[in-house]
Amino acid sequence: MYRRCLIKVSGEALAGQRKFGIDPEKTAWIAREIAKAAKKGSQIGIVVGGGNILRGVNAASVGVEPLIGDHMGMLATILNGMALRSALFKVGVEARVLCAFQVGSFVEVFDQEKALSYLEEGRVVIFTGGTGNPCFTTDSAAALRAVQIKAEVMVKATQVDGVYDKDPRQYSDAIRFESITSSEVLERRLKVIDAASVEILRRVEMPILVINLHAEGNIEKALSGHKMGTIIN
């Protein structure tokens, strides 16, 4: 069992079937899945994306320059973090939202010692605002926060059940890896996770576990040590 972990959840996951915005039913379902693992004793940090509202790379579609688009994307993650915190409260899990920058009294500014204290108290900690800087993905933010909270593993909870040699949603002959080295992920330029995040975690020898978020019980099983998905080490 992993005592402490960082889970990366995409913004798109919160949209559910809506494809845009926040689906309350899907968000509640994700909260219940996280709660199962938290109630088993794992200390959980979460980085949530903002792609269901706005991605920085799509800045041109709303008529702003790329750096402004990145700032807007960071703000989108705060909305998602607040929605996820509310959903966790409803299933009996205490949660706190920390942001990489000051946004108001309703969301706390990230502080490493504060985050570690909340985790030790059994609270789920939701990290928002990315890294606080443009030009970085929320995968990179997840890797950074994983290092800062001294996690044992970073879990990338995504749309597929592991790392493949090519996109399994487009190619029926795609091959899934049970395990793969971080060097091979970078050399093959596999797209399931941002290369910068792989490099960050390689430096500290922290494994990355890629699992399917949408299968019931997967988060709990992954943190309990079940063999599943793809391990990157």
Protein backbone atom coordinates (compact mmCIF):
# COMPACT_ATOMS: atom_id res chain seq x y z
CA MET A 1 0.00 0.00 0.00
CA TYR A 2 1.20 3.48 -0.83
CA ARG A 3 1.12 5.68 2.27
CA ARG A 4 1.18 8.95 0.35
CA CYS A 5 0.50 9.65 -3.29
CA LEU A 6 -0.23 12.40 -5.77
CA ILE A 7 -3.09 11.77 -8.21
CA LYS A 8 -3.37 13.73 -11.45
CA VAL A 9 -6.98 14.09 -12.63
CA SER A 10 -7.72 15.80 -15.92
CA GLY A 11 -10.24 18.58 -16.18
CA GLU A 12 -11.97 16.67 -18.96
CA ALA A 13 -12.77 13.90 -16.50
CA LEU A 14 -14.95 16.28 -14.48
CA ALA A 15 -16.95 17.14 -17.60
CA GLY A 16 -18.22 13.59 -17.97
CA GLN A 17 -20.50 13.18 -20.97
CA ARG A 18 -20.98 16.94 -21.24
CA LYS A 19 -17.55 17.41 -22.84
CA PHE A 20 -17.47 20.96 -21.41
CA GLY A 21 -17.85 22.42 -17.94
CA ILE A 22 -18.46 20.41 -14.76
CA ASP A 23 -20.79 17.42 -14.66
CA PRO A 24 -21.99 17.12 -11.02
CA GLU A 25 -22.73 13.40 -11.33
CA LYS A 26 -19.31 12.52 -12.75
CA THR A 27 -17.55 14.79 -10.26
CA ALA A 28 -19.44 13.11 -7.42
CA TRP A 29 -18.45 9.69 -8.80
CA ILE A 30 -14.75 10.68 -8.91
CA ALA A 31 -15.01 12.01 -5.35
CA ARG A 32 -16.44 8.68 -4.17
CA GLU A 33 -13.57 6.82 -5.85
CA ILE A 34 -11.01 9.06 -4.13
CA ALA A 35 -12.86 8.69 -0.83
CA LYS A 36 -12.57 4.88 -0.94
CA ALA A 37 -8.79 5.14 -1.06
CA ALA A 38 -8.58 7.94 1.50
CA LYS A 39 -10.68 6.00 3.98
CA LYS A 40 -8.30 3.05 3.65
CA GLY A 41 -5.53 5.23 5.05
CA SER A 42 -3.69 6.63 2.03
CA GLN A 43 -2.65 10.28 2.22
CA ILE A 44 -3.78 11.82 -1.06
CA GLY A 45 -2.79 14.95 -2.92
CA ILE A 46 -4.58 15.79 -6.17
CA VAL A 47 -3.67 18.01 -9.06
CA VAL A 48 -6.65 18.77 -11.27
CA GLY A 49 -6.47 20.10 -14.82
CA GLY A 50 -8.65 22.74 -16.42
CA GLY A 51 -9.20 21.42 -19.94
CA ASN A 52 -12.97 21.08 -19.46
CA ILE A 53 -13.12 24.88 -19.23
CA LEU A 54 -10.09 26.18 -21.11
CA ARG A 55 -6.67 24.92 -22.13
CA GLY A 56 -3.87 27.42 -22.57
CA VAL A 57 -3.03 25.85 -25.94
CA ASN A 58 -6.52 26.79 -27.14
CA ALA A 59 -6.03 30.47 -26.35
CA ALA A 60 -6.37 31.52 -29.99
CA SER A 61 -9.92 30.14 -30.08
CA VAL A 62 -11.02 32.77 -27.55
CA GLY A 63 -9.00 35.57 -29.08
CA VAL A 64 -6.21 35.96 -26.55
CA GLU A 65 -2.46 35.51 -26.79
CA PRO A 66 -0.91 32.24 -25.58
CA LEU A 67 0.48 33.49 -22.25
CA ILE A 68 -2.89 35.00 -21.31
CA GLY A 69 -4.50 31.73 -22.33
CA ASP A 70 -2.19 29.88 -19.94
CA HIS A 71 -3.22 32.22 -17.12
CA MET A 72 -6.89 31.59 -17.93
CA GLY A 73 -6.23 27.85 -17.90
CA MET A 74 -4.69 28.15 -14.43
CA LEU A 75 -7.84 29.89 -13.19
CA ALA A 76 -9.95 27.08 -14.67
CA THR A 77 -8.16 24.57 -12.44
CA ILE A 78 -9.29 26.54 -9.38
CA LEU A 79 -12.94 26.18 -10.37
CA ASN A 80 -12.45 22.45 -10.80
CA GLY A 81 -10.61 22.14 -7.50
CA MET A 82 -13.41 23.88 -5.63
CA ALA A 83 -16.01 21.62 -7.28
CA LEU A 84 -14.03 18.51 -6.34
CA ARG A 85 -13.58 19.71 -2.75
CA SER A 86 -17.33 20.21 -2.43
CA ALA A 87 -17.98 16.73 -3.80
CA LEU A 88 -15.49 15.21 -1.34
CA PHE A 89 -17.15 16.98 1.59
CA LYS A 90 -20.46 15.42 0.58
CA VAL A 91 -18.98 11.91 0.91
CA GLY A 92 -17.41 12.64 4.28
CA VAL A 93 -13.85 13.46 3.27
CA GLU A 94 -12.16 16.61 4.57
CA ALA A 95 -10.34 18.43 1.78
CA ARG A 96 -8.40 21.62 1.30
CA VAL A 97 -7.71 23.56 -1.90
CA LEU A 98 -4.29 25.17 -2.27
CA CYS A 99 -3.36 27.40 -5.19
CA ALA A 100 0.03 28.31 -6.63
CA PHE A 101 -0.90 32.01 -6.33
CA GLN A 102 -3.17 34.27 -4.28
CA VAL A 103 -6.78 34.32 -5.52
CA GLY A 104 -8.82 35.13 -2.42
CA SER A 105 -9.51 33.98 1.12
CA PHE A 106 -11.65 31.05 -0.05
CA VAL A 107 -8.59 29.26 -1.50
CA GLU A 108 -5.29 29.03 0.35
CA VAL A 109 -1.93 29.83 -1.22
CA PHE A 110 0.30 26.77 -1.61
CA ASP A 111 2.79 26.26 1.17
CA GLN A 112 4.77 23.04 1.40
CA GLU A 113 4.66 22.70 5.17
CA LYS A 114 0.94 23.48 5.26
CA ALA A 115 0.28 20.85 2.60
CA LEU A 116 2.28 18.23 4.50
CA SER A 117 0.45 19.09 7.73
CA TYR A 118 -2.97 18.69 6.08
CA LEU A 119 -1.94 15.33 4.63
CA GLU A 120 -0.74 14.08 8.02
CA GLU A 121 -4.11 15.13 9.48
CA GLY A 122 -5.86 12.89 6.96
CA ARG A 123 -7.18 15.61 4.67
CA VAL A 124 -7.14 15.31 0.90
CA VAL A 125 -5.20 18.24 -0.54
CA ILE A 126 -6.20 19.59 -3.96
CA PHE A 127 -3.51 21.59 -5.70
CA THR A 128 -4.68 24.16 -8.24
CA GLY A 129 -3.20 26.95 -10.34
CA GLY A 130 -0.69 24.65 -12.03
CA THR A 131 2.87 25.68 -11.21
CA GLY A 132 1.81 29.32 -11.12
CA ASN A 133 3.70 29.97 -14.34
CA PRO A 134 2.66 29.89 -17.99
CA CYS A 135 4.13 27.37 -20.46
CA PHE A 136 3.84 24.43 -18.03
CA THR A 137 1.21 21.70 -18.17
CA THR A 138 -0.72 20.43 -15.17
CA ASP A 139 1.17 17.13 -15.61
CA SER A 140 4.32 19.11 -14.80
CA ALA A 141 2.53 20.71 -11.85
CA ALA A 142 1.55 17.24 -10.63
CA ALA A 143 5.15 16.04 -10.78
CA LEU A 144 6.34 19.13 -8.90
CA ARG A 145 3.73 18.75 -6.16
CA ALA A 146 4.45 15.02 -5.90
CA VAL A 147 8.08 15.85 -5.12
CA GLN A 148 7.13 18.60 -2.69
CA ILE A 149 4.76 16.42 -0.65
CA LYS A 150 7.28 13.55 -0.70
CA ALA A 151 4.85 11.16 -2.35
CA GLU A 152 5.76 7.54 -2.89
CA VAL A 153 4.10 7.46 -6.31
CA MET A 154 2.40 9.75 -8.78
CA VAL A 155 -0.78 8.28 -10.25
CA LYS A 156 -1.88 9.55 -13.65
CA ALA A 157 -5.61 8.73 -13.67
CA THR A 158 -6.48 9.06 -17.31
CA GLN A 159 -8.80 7.96 -20.12
CA VAL A 160 -6.94 4.72 -20.95
CA ASP A 161 -5.72 1.79 -18.88
CA GLY A 162 -1.99 2.35 -19.19
CA VAL A 163 0.81 3.37 -21.52
CA TYR A 164 0.57 2.12 -25.11
CA ASP A 165 2.97 2.26 -28.02
CA LYS A 166 0.31 4.31 -29.84
CA ASP A 167 -3.14 5.68 -29.08
CA PRO A 168 -5.42 2.67 -28.39
CA ARG A 169 -8.47 4.81 -29.14
CA GLN A 170 -7.27 5.16 -32.72
CA TYR A 171 -5.35 1.95 -33.32
CA SER A 172 -6.81 -1.47 -32.50
CA ASP A 173 -3.33 -3.06 -32.65
CA ALA A 174 -1.86 -0.76 -29.98
CA ILE A 175 0.25 -2.63 -27.43
CA ARG A 176 0.06 -1.83 -23.72
CA PHE A 177 3.16 -1.90 -21.54
CA GLU A 178 2.88 -3.40 -18.05
CA SER A 179 6.06 -1.52 -17.16
CA ILE A 180 8.35 0.83 -19.02
CA THR A 181 11.32 2.96 -18.07
CA SER A 182 11.11 6.73 -17.99
CA SER A 183 13.96 6.84 -20.51
CA GLU A 184 11.98 4.74 -22.96
CA VAL A 185 8.88 6.92 -22.52
CA LEU A 186 10.98 9.96 -23.42
CA GLU A 187 12.80 8.26 -26.29
CA ARG A 188 9.56 6.99 -27.85
CA ARG A 189 7.86 10.36 -27.22
CA LEU A 190 4.80 8.61 -25.84
CA LYS A 191 1.98 11.08 -25.33
CA VAL A 192 0.12 9.68 -22.32
CA ILE A 193 2.04 11.99 -19.99
CA ASP A 194 3.97 15.22 -20.40
CA ALA A 195 7.70 14.65 -20.98
CA ALA A 196 8.69 17.34 -18.46
CA SER A 197 6.83 15.56 -15.67
CA VAL A 198 8.56 12.28 -16.53
CA GLU A 199 11.93 14.03 -16.37
CA ILE A 200 11.14 15.68 -13.02
CA LEU A 201 10.19 12.39 -11.39
CA ARG A 202 13.05 10.47 -12.98
CA ARG A 203 15.47 12.73 -11.13
CA VAL A 204 14.04 11.70 -7.76
CA GLU A 205 13.36 8.09 -8.80
CA MET A 206 9.63 8.36 -8.12
CA PRO A 207 7.48 5.88 -10.07
CA ILE A 208 4.48 6.95 -12.14
CA LEU A 209 1.46 4.67 -12.29
CA VAL A 210 -0.88 5.21 -15.25
CA ILE A 211 -4.38 3.85 -14.71
CA ASN A 212 -7.89 4.18 -16.11
CA LEU A 213 -9.75 6.68 -13.95
CA HIS A 214 -13.16 5.58 -15.18
CA ALA A 215 -13.14 1.96 -13.95
CA GLU A 216 -14.79 1.62 -10.56
CA GLY A 217 -12.37 0.84 -7.74
CA ASN A 218 -9.20 1.51 -9.73
CA ILE A 219 -7.85 4.29 -7.51
CA GLU A 220 -8.36 2.23 -4.36
CA LYS A 221 -6.78 -0.85 -5.97
CA ALA A 222 -3.82 1.11 -7.30
CA LEU A 223 -3.02 2.66 -3.92
CA SER A 224 -3.47 -0.71 -2.22
CA GLY A 225 -0.67 -2.12 -4.37
CA HIS A 226 -2.65 -4.16 -6.90
CA LYS A 227 -0.80 -4.77 -10.16
CA MET A 228 -2.59 -2.75 -12.81
CA GLY A 229 -2.14 -0.16 -15.52
CA THR A 230 1.45 0.70 -16.43
CA ILE A 231 4.25 1.53 -14.06
CA ILE A 232 6.89 3.98 -15.29
CA ASN A 233 10.16 3.83 -13.37
